[in-house]
Amino acid sequence: MIVASLKAFSVVSVGVALIVWGTEKTATAATFNDAPLFDDVASYTTTISGNNNLADIYFPNPKDLKTGKYSFPIALLLQGGLVDKSNYSNYASIVAKYGFIVVVPNNKRLLRQFGRALAPQTSQVNAVLTQMLVENSNPTSPVRGIVNTQKLGLLGHSLGGAVGLSAITNLCVPTGCEGSFSRPKELVAGAFFGANLRDENDKFIPIKNSAIPIALLQGTDDGRALPFRAQATYDNIKDAPKALISIIGANHFGITNTNNPLGAVPDPNAPKIEQNVAVETIARWSGLFLRASVLNDKGAFDYIYSTGDVAKVTVISQTKPIPESSSTLSLLVLGAWSILLGMKKKTMRESQ
């Protein structure tokens, strides 16, 4: 991956938007506020009746919550392998503040190396959708009447991200699926941290996402889900919009409350960014990506694809399909990359 050293770079031709930007870019949309929409979040624990999983549910909690003016989409967070749901409380709370009901289940299934252990699977997608219909109509549920059951975004960490990617692709991949799976129509977006999609032979799986927007968030210092695998997965996503958002200095557990949480296979690389900063950064970009993709929020869309605060991240994104036969576009892209390479070489020479 080449990161531009200029403030912003874009190529637009024949309905195509291919954007690359890096750490020296300053936001051009100063009027957009990237802070959460809600100050308070509440949570409770319920049981997913379809699989008997316990799940923590986080939701915005304004004073006028029960006035009938709110309807929040669902965001299902698929946990990393061996990582308890409690480790995502900070991340889930921040994403909820952007206007989502975040569901974080503990799912146990048989793993070859560990026996019955915490690990996500695709069947959770439909099970959670069914449960949230129940929660929305249950008089005793804290989220009664405020759930938009027609819109579901996926979040995921590590193995959970791979499961989410396979769900969007409508595949039953053996490492994260038992039996069969059918992608529900309610599934409209996914944002995944420290994740890539490979088969049991270590080959990257083509992601036929049917134009469902996907964001890959990746720690640059991840010692378990290596950055080049996120890049290869991004390249394999068939349809735009898509984004690869790299969090500078984060390792594999930049999304959890603490680094190397108890029970998880540790990352050999120590993070180079404070844990709370990593969590906030990942949650902010996740929340705004979901707002852009699930709620068609134009300000959030512009933030993700062109104007966002990139003090701690670098971003590669594509917002529209690239025509397979476009000589004009090819010349523009080649010319633009030549400019970028020239600038990079000049910068290297000047720093020597």
Protein backbone atom coordinates (compact mmCIF):
# COMPACT_ATOMS: atom_id res chain seq x y z
CA MET A 1 0.00 0.00 0.00
CA ILE A 2 1.26 3.44 -0.92
CA VAL A 3 0.08 6.30 1.28
CA ALA A 4 0.04 9.72 -0.30
CA SER A 5 2.16 12.41 1.35
CA LEU A 6 -0.02 15.17 -0.09
CA LYS A 7 -3.14 16.50 1.63
CA ALA A 8 -5.62 14.62 -0.54
CA PHE A 9 -5.61 12.69 -3.78
CA SER A 10 -8.54 11.62 -5.89
CA VAL A 11 -9.20 10.32 -9.35
CA VAL A 12 -12.70 10.77 -10.74
CA SER A 13 -13.63 9.60 -14.24
CA VAL A 14 -16.57 7.89 -15.90
CA GLY A 15 -18.52 7.68 -12.63
CA VAL A 16 -15.53 6.39 -10.67
CA ALA A 17 -14.25 7.63 -7.33
CA LEU A 18 -10.99 6.09 -6.15
CA ILE A 19 -9.57 7.88 -3.11
CA VAL A 20 -6.30 7.52 -1.26
CA TRP A 21 -5.35 9.77 1.65
CA GLY A 22 -2.93 9.80 4.51
CA THR A 23 -1.83 11.34 7.77
CA GLU A 24 -1.11 14.85 6.50
CA LYS A 25 -4.64 15.41 5.22
CA THR A 26 -6.75 17.99 7.03
CA ALA A 27 -10.54 17.80 7.07
CA THR A 28 -12.22 19.94 4.44
CA ALA A 29 -15.68 19.67 5.96
CA ALA A 30 -15.11 21.61 9.14
CA THR A 31 -18.82 21.95 9.70
CA PHE A 32 -19.33 18.20 10.16
CA ASN A 33 -19.17 17.06 13.76
CA ASP A 34 -17.74 13.55 14.04
CA ALA A 35 -18.69 13.24 17.72
CA PRO A 36 -21.39 10.76 18.79
CA LEU A 37 -24.99 11.93 18.50
CA PHE A 38 -25.96 10.79 22.00
CA ASP A 39 -24.27 11.38 25.34
CA ASP A 40 -25.74 8.50 27.32
CA VAL A 41 -25.89 4.77 26.69
CA ALA A 42 -27.71 2.12 28.66
CA SER A 43 -27.24 -1.64 28.50
CA TYR A 44 -28.80 -4.88 29.63
CA THR A 45 -28.28 -8.61 29.12
CA THR A 46 -30.73 -10.95 27.46
CA THR A 47 -30.80 -14.48 26.03
CA ILE A 48 -30.90 -15.11 22.29
CA SER A 49 -33.64 -17.72 22.19
CA GLY A 50 -32.55 -19.25 18.88
CA ASN A 51 -29.24 -20.49 20.28
CA ASN A 52 -29.49 -19.78 24.04
CA ASN A 53 -26.59 -17.32 23.90
CA LEU A 54 -26.29 -14.56 26.46
CA ALA A 55 -25.95 -11.17 24.79
CA ASP A 56 -25.21 -7.66 26.05
CA ILE A 57 -27.30 -4.98 24.36
CA TYR A 58 -26.18 -1.33 24.26
CA PHE A 59 -28.52 1.44 23.14
CA PRO A 60 -28.70 5.26 23.12
CA ASN A 61 -30.51 6.54 26.19
CA PRO A 62 -31.66 10.15 25.76
CA LYS A 63 -34.18 11.53 28.25
CA ASP A 64 -36.94 11.45 25.63
CA LEU A 65 -36.21 7.85 24.54
CA LYS A 66 -39.78 6.63 24.97
CA THR A 67 -41.53 9.46 23.16
CA GLY A 68 -41.84 7.53 19.90
CA LYS A 69 -39.38 9.67 17.94
CA TYR A 70 -36.53 7.12 17.84
CA SER A 71 -35.95 4.02 15.74
CA PHE A 72 -32.41 2.65 15.90
CA PRO A 73 -30.95 0.07 13.47
CA ILE A 74 -29.31 -3.07 14.84
CA ALA A 75 -25.54 -3.56 14.86
CA LEU A 76 -24.48 -7.14 15.65
CA LEU A 77 -20.94 -7.40 16.99
CA LEU A 78 -19.39 -10.81 16.27
CA GLN A 79 -16.67 -11.49 18.84
CA GLY A 80 -13.13 -12.60 18.20
CA GLY A 81 -12.30 -16.22 18.94
CA LEU A 82 -11.88 -16.85 22.72
CA VAL A 83 -12.72 -13.21 23.51
CA ASP A 84 -15.55 -12.70 26.00
CA LYS A 85 -18.29 -10.20 25.11
CA SER A 86 -17.45 -8.07 28.16
CA ASN A 87 -14.18 -7.02 26.52
CA TYR A 88 -16.09 -5.01 23.90
CA SER A 89 -18.14 -2.86 26.28
CA ASN A 90 -16.22 0.37 25.60
CA TYR A 91 -16.27 -0.08 21.83
CA ALA A 92 -19.94 -1.11 21.76
CA SER A 93 -20.96 1.83 23.95
CA ILE A 94 -19.32 4.34 21.61
CA VAL A 95 -20.85 2.81 18.47
CA ALA A 96 -24.27 2.84 20.18
CA LYS A 97 -23.87 6.59 20.76
CA TYR A 98 -23.86 7.06 16.99
CA GLY A 99 -27.47 5.84 16.90
CA PHE A 100 -27.41 2.04 16.92
CA ILE A 101 -28.58 -0.79 19.12
CA VAL A 102 -25.42 -2.86 19.46
CA VAL A 103 -25.88 -6.55 20.27
CA VAL A 104 -22.81 -8.40 21.60
CA PRO A 105 -23.45 -12.12 22.13
CA ASN A 106 -21.25 -14.83 23.59
CA ASN A 107 -21.38 -17.78 21.21
CA LYS A 108 -19.85 -21.14 22.06
CA ARG A 109 -19.12 -23.85 19.54
CA LEU A 110 -16.60 -26.60 18.95
CA LEU A 111 -13.16 -25.47 17.83
CA ARG A 112 -10.63 -28.00 16.62
CA GLN A 113 -7.83 -26.69 18.84
CA PHE A 114 -9.80 -25.63 21.91
CA GLY A 115 -12.88 -27.81 22.20
CA ARG A 116 -16.10 -25.97 23.04
CA ALA A 117 -15.07 -22.32 23.21
CA LEU A 118 -16.14 -18.78 22.44
CA ALA A 119 -16.32 -18.38 18.66
CA PRO A 120 -18.83 -16.69 16.33
CA GLN A 121 -20.78 -18.31 13.50
CA THR A 122 -23.04 -17.12 10.70
CA SER A 123 -26.23 -18.55 12.26
CA GLN A 124 -26.04 -15.75 14.85
CA VAL A 125 -27.09 -13.22 12.20
CA ASN A 126 -30.59 -14.61 11.75
CA ALA A 127 -30.91 -15.60 15.41
CA VAL A 128 -30.21 -12.04 16.56
CA LEU A 129 -32.61 -10.56 14.00
CA THR A 130 -35.36 -12.84 15.31
CA GLN A 131 -34.55 -11.98 18.93
CA MET A 132 -34.61 -8.25 18.27
CA LEU A 133 -38.12 -8.58 16.85
CA VAL A 134 -39.05 -10.09 20.21
CA GLU A 135 -37.22 -7.37 22.15
CA ASN A 136 -38.93 -4.64 20.16
CA SER A 137 -42.40 -5.93 21.06
CA ASN A 138 -41.78 -7.21 24.60
CA PRO A 139 -43.39 -4.82 27.14
CA THR A 140 -40.60 -5.51 29.66
CA SER A 141 -37.73 -4.97 27.22
CA PRO A 142 -35.68 -1.78 27.68
CA VAL A 143 -35.62 -1.35 23.89
CA ARG A 144 -39.30 -1.92 23.27
CA GLY A 145 -40.51 0.20 20.37
CA ILE A 146 -37.13 1.73 19.46
CA VAL A 147 -35.61 -1.02 17.28
CA ASN A 148 -35.50 -0.63 13.50
CA THR A 149 -35.74 -4.35 12.74
CA GLN A 150 -35.47 -3.75 8.98
CA LYS A 151 -31.85 -2.60 9.08
CA LEU A 152 -28.89 -4.66 10.30
CA GLY A 153 -25.21 -3.76 10.20
CA LEU A 154 -22.47 -6.19 11.17
CA LEU A 155 -19.44 -5.43 13.29
CA GLY A 156 -16.73 -7.97 13.97
CA HIS A 157 -13.31 -8.59 15.43
CA SER A 158 -10.79 -11.11 14.11
CA LEU A 159 -12.65 -14.40 13.55
CA GLY A 160 -15.89 -12.47 14.02
CA GLY A 161 -14.90 -10.23 11.14
CA ALA A 162 -14.21 -13.24 8.93
CA VAL A 163 -17.62 -14.66 9.83
CA GLY A 164 -19.22 -11.30 9.04
CA LEU A 165 -17.48 -11.14 5.67
CA SER A 166 -18.66 -14.66 4.81
CA ALA A 167 -22.21 -13.72 5.86
CA ILE A 168 -22.19 -10.70 3.54
CA THR A 169 -20.81 -12.96 0.79
CA ASN A 170 -23.68 -15.38 1.56
CA LEU A 171 -21.25 -18.24 2.08
CA CYS A 172 -21.14 -21.03 4.62
CA VAL A 173 -17.39 -21.21 5.28
CA PRO A 174 -16.53 -24.21 7.52
CA THR A 175 -14.45 -22.14 9.95
CA GLY A 176 -17.50 -20.05 10.86
CA CYS A 177 -20.60 -21.90 9.73
CA GLU A 178 -22.40 -25.09 10.65
CA GLY A 179 -24.98 -26.50 8.27
CA SER A 180 -26.17 -23.77 5.92
CA PHE A 181 -26.67 -20.02 5.83
CA SER A 182 -28.88 -17.63 3.91
CA ARG A 183 -28.12 -13.90 4.07
CA PRO A 184 -31.16 -11.96 5.29
CA LYS A 185 -32.39 -8.96 3.31
CA GLU A 186 -32.01 -6.80 6.42
CA LEU A 187 -28.20 -7.09 6.27
CA VAL A 188 -27.02 -3.87 4.62
CA ALA A 189 -23.42 -3.15 5.76
CA GLY A 190 -20.41 -4.46 7.65
CA ALA A 191 -17.36 -2.98 9.42
CA PHE A 192 -14.70 -5.39 10.67
CA PHE A 193 -11.50 -4.94 12.67
CA GLY A 194 -8.44 -7.17 12.39
CA ALA A 195 -10.17 -9.44 9.90
CA ASN A 196 -9.56 -11.14 6.59
CA LEU A 197 -11.30 -13.92 4.68
CA ARG A 198 -9.35 -17.03 3.72
CA ASP A 199 -10.27 -20.67 3.24
CA GLU A 200 -8.72 -23.65 5.01
CA ASN A 201 -5.98 -23.75 2.36
CA ASP A 202 -4.99 -20.16 3.20
CA LYS A 203 -6.35 -18.83 -0.09
CA PHE A 204 -8.25 -15.55 -0.08
CA ILE A 205 -11.93 -15.93 -0.84
CA PRO A 206 -13.57 -13.61 -3.40
CA ILE A 207 -16.12 -11.42 -1.61
CA LYS A 208 -19.21 -11.09 -3.79
CA ASN A 209 -20.92 -8.56 -1.58
CA SER A 210 -23.84 -7.61 -3.85
CA ALA A 211 -23.00 -3.90 -3.36
CA ILE A 212 -23.31 -4.19 0.43
CA PRO A 213 -20.78 -1.61 1.77
CA ILE A 214 -17.80 -3.06 3.65
CA ALA A 215 -15.14 -1.38 5.77
CA LEU A 216 -12.02 -3.18 6.93
CA LEU A 217 -10.34 -1.57 9.93
CA GLN A 218 -6.80 -2.74 10.50
CA GLY A 219 -4.11 -2.06 13.08
CA THR A 220 -0.79 -1.27 11.43
CA ASP A 221 0.99 -3.17 14.24
CA ASP A 222 -1.30 -6.21 14.23
CA GLY A 223 0.85 -9.28 14.81
CA ARG A 224 -1.96 -11.80 14.34
CA ALA A 225 -4.16 -10.57 11.48
CA LEU A 226 -1.31 -9.21 9.38
CA PRO A 227 -1.93 -5.96 7.47
CA PHE A 228 -1.11 -7.44 4.06
CA ARG A 229 -4.01 -9.86 4.54
CA ALA A 230 -6.41 -7.00 5.11
CA GLN A 231 -5.15 -5.40 1.90
CA ALA A 232 -5.63 -8.66 -0.02
CA THR A 233 -9.14 -9.01 1.41
CA TYR A 234 -9.97 -5.41 0.48
CA ASP A 235 -8.77 -6.08 -3.08
CA ASN A 236 -11.05 -9.13 -3.16
CA ILE A 237 -14.21 -7.17 -2.32
CA LYS A 238 -16.10 -7.13 -5.61
CA ASP A 239 -18.41 -4.14 -5.25
CA ALA A 240 -18.00 -0.59 -3.95
CA PRO A 241 -18.48 1.20 -1.65
CA LYS A 242 -15.58 -0.20 0.32
CA ALA A 243 -12.86 1.17 2.57
CA LEU A 244 -9.64 0.01 4.19
CA ILE A 245 -8.99 2.10 7.30
CA SER A 246 -5.62 1.51 8.95
CA ILE A 247 -5.24 2.61 12.58
CA ILE A 248 -1.65 3.71 13.10
CA GLY A 249 0.03 1.94 16.01
CA ALA A 250 -2.87 -0.38 16.92
CA ASN A 251 -2.31 -4.10 17.32
CA HIS A 252 -4.84 -6.94 17.11
CA PHE A 253 -6.64 -5.91 20.30
CA GLY A 254 -7.06 -2.20 19.65
CA ILE A 255 -10.82 -2.79 19.75
CA THR A 256 -11.02 -4.40 23.21
CA ASN A 257 -11.07 -2.73 26.63
CA THR A 258 -7.56 -3.99 27.39
CA ASN A 259 -4.69 -5.30 25.32
CA ASN A 260 -4.47 -9.11 25.16
CA PRO A 261 -7.64 -9.76 27.19
CA LEU A 262 -7.80 -12.80 29.45
CA GLY A 263 -8.41 -16.03 27.54
CA ALA A 264 -7.47 -14.69 24.10
CA VAL A 265 -4.43 -15.77 22.11
CA PRO A 266 -2.14 -12.77 22.69
CA ASP A 267 -0.71 -10.51 20.04
CA PRO A 268 3.11 -10.67 20.18
CA ASN A 269 3.26 -7.02 19.11
CA ALA A 270 2.76 -4.35 21.75
CA PRO A 271 0.50 -1.47 20.65
CA LYS A 272 2.09 1.90 19.91
CA ILE A 273 -1.10 3.79 20.68
CA GLU A 274 -2.94 4.15 23.97
CA GLN A 275 -5.73 1.59 24.35
CA ASN A 276 -8.52 4.12 24.93
CA VAL A 277 -7.39 6.13 21.90
CA ALA A 278 -7.39 3.02 19.71
CA VAL A 279 -10.86 1.98 20.90
CA GLU A 280 -12.31 5.46 20.35
CA THR A 281 -10.76 5.75 16.89
CA ILE A 282 -11.99 2.33 15.75
CA ALA A 283 -15.45 2.94 17.23
CA ARG A 284 -15.76 6.41 15.65
CA TRP A 285 -14.90 5.18 12.18
CA SER A 286 -17.13 2.12 12.65
CA GLY A 287 -20.07 4.20 13.85
CA LEU A 288 -19.76 6.74 11.07
CA PHE A 289 -19.33 4.02 8.46
CA LEU A 290 -22.56 2.42 9.65
CA ARG A 291 -24.32 5.80 9.60
CA ALA A 292 -23.12 6.37 6.04
CA SER A 293 -24.08 2.87 4.88
CA VAL A 294 -27.18 2.00 6.91
CA LEU A 295 -28.76 5.44 7.34
CA ASN A 296 -27.49 7.18 4.18
CA ASP A 297 -26.00 9.97 6.29
CA LYS A 298 -24.26 12.23 3.76
CA GLY A 299 -22.03 13.93 6.31
CA ALA A 300 -20.85 10.55 7.59
CA PHE A 301 -20.37 9.34 3.99
CA ASP A 302 -18.16 12.31 3.17
CA TYR A 303 -16.22 11.77 6.40
CA ILE A 304 -15.44 8.14 5.58
CA TYR A 305 -14.62 8.60 1.92
CA SER A 306 -13.01 12.03 1.69
CA THR A 307 -12.97 14.43 4.63
CA GLY A 308 -12.44 12.46 7.84
CA ASP A 309 -9.88 13.28 10.51
CA VAL A 310 -6.89 11.16 9.55
CA ALA A 311 -4.58 12.13 12.40
CA LYS A 312 -4.46 8.50 13.54
CA VAL A 313 -5.45 6.60 10.40
CA THR A 314 -4.74 6.14 6.73
CA VAL A 315 -7.57 5.33 4.33
CA ILE A 316 -7.99 3.67 0.97
CA SER A 317 -11.54 3.75 -0.35
CA GLN A 318 -13.67 3.29 -3.43
CA THR A 319 -17.17 4.69 -3.67
CA LYS A 320 -18.31 3.65 -7.14
CA PRO A 321 -17.72 0.71 -9.50
CA ILE A 322 -14.71 0.85 -11.78
CA PRO A 323 -15.60 -0.04 -15.40
CA GLU A 324 -13.55 -3.02 -16.55
CA SER A 325 -12.75 -1.41 -19.90
CA SER A 326 -11.82 2.23 -19.51
CA SER A 327 -8.59 3.29 -21.19
CA THR A 328 -9.13 6.87 -20.01
CA LEU A 329 -9.39 5.76 -16.40
CA SER A 330 -6.34 3.52 -16.73
CA LEU A 331 -4.24 6.41 -18.02
CA LEU A 332 -5.50 8.67 -15.20
CA VAL A 333 -4.74 6.09 -12.53
CA LEU A 334 -1.30 5.30 -13.93
CA GLY A 335 -0.50 8.99 -14.19
CA ALA A 336 -1.71 9.69 -10.67
CA TRP A 337 0.29 6.81 -9.18
CA SER A 338 3.36 8.06 -11.04
CA ILE A 339 2.89 11.46 -9.39
CA LEU A 340 2.50 9.82 -5.99
CA LEU A 341 5.58 7.63 -6.47
CA GLY A 342 7.56 10.65 -7.56
CA MET A 343 6.47 12.60 -4.49
CA LYS A 344 7.31 9.65 -2.26
CA LYS A 345 10.82 9.36 -3.76
CA LYS A 346 11.34 13.10 -3.39
CA THR A 347 10.26 12.95 0.25
CA MET A 348 12.67 10.06 0.88
CA ARG A 349 15.54 11.93 -0.74
CA GLU A 350 14.85 15.05 1.28
CA SER A 351 14.82 13.08 4.53
CA GLN A 352 18.14 11.37 3.94
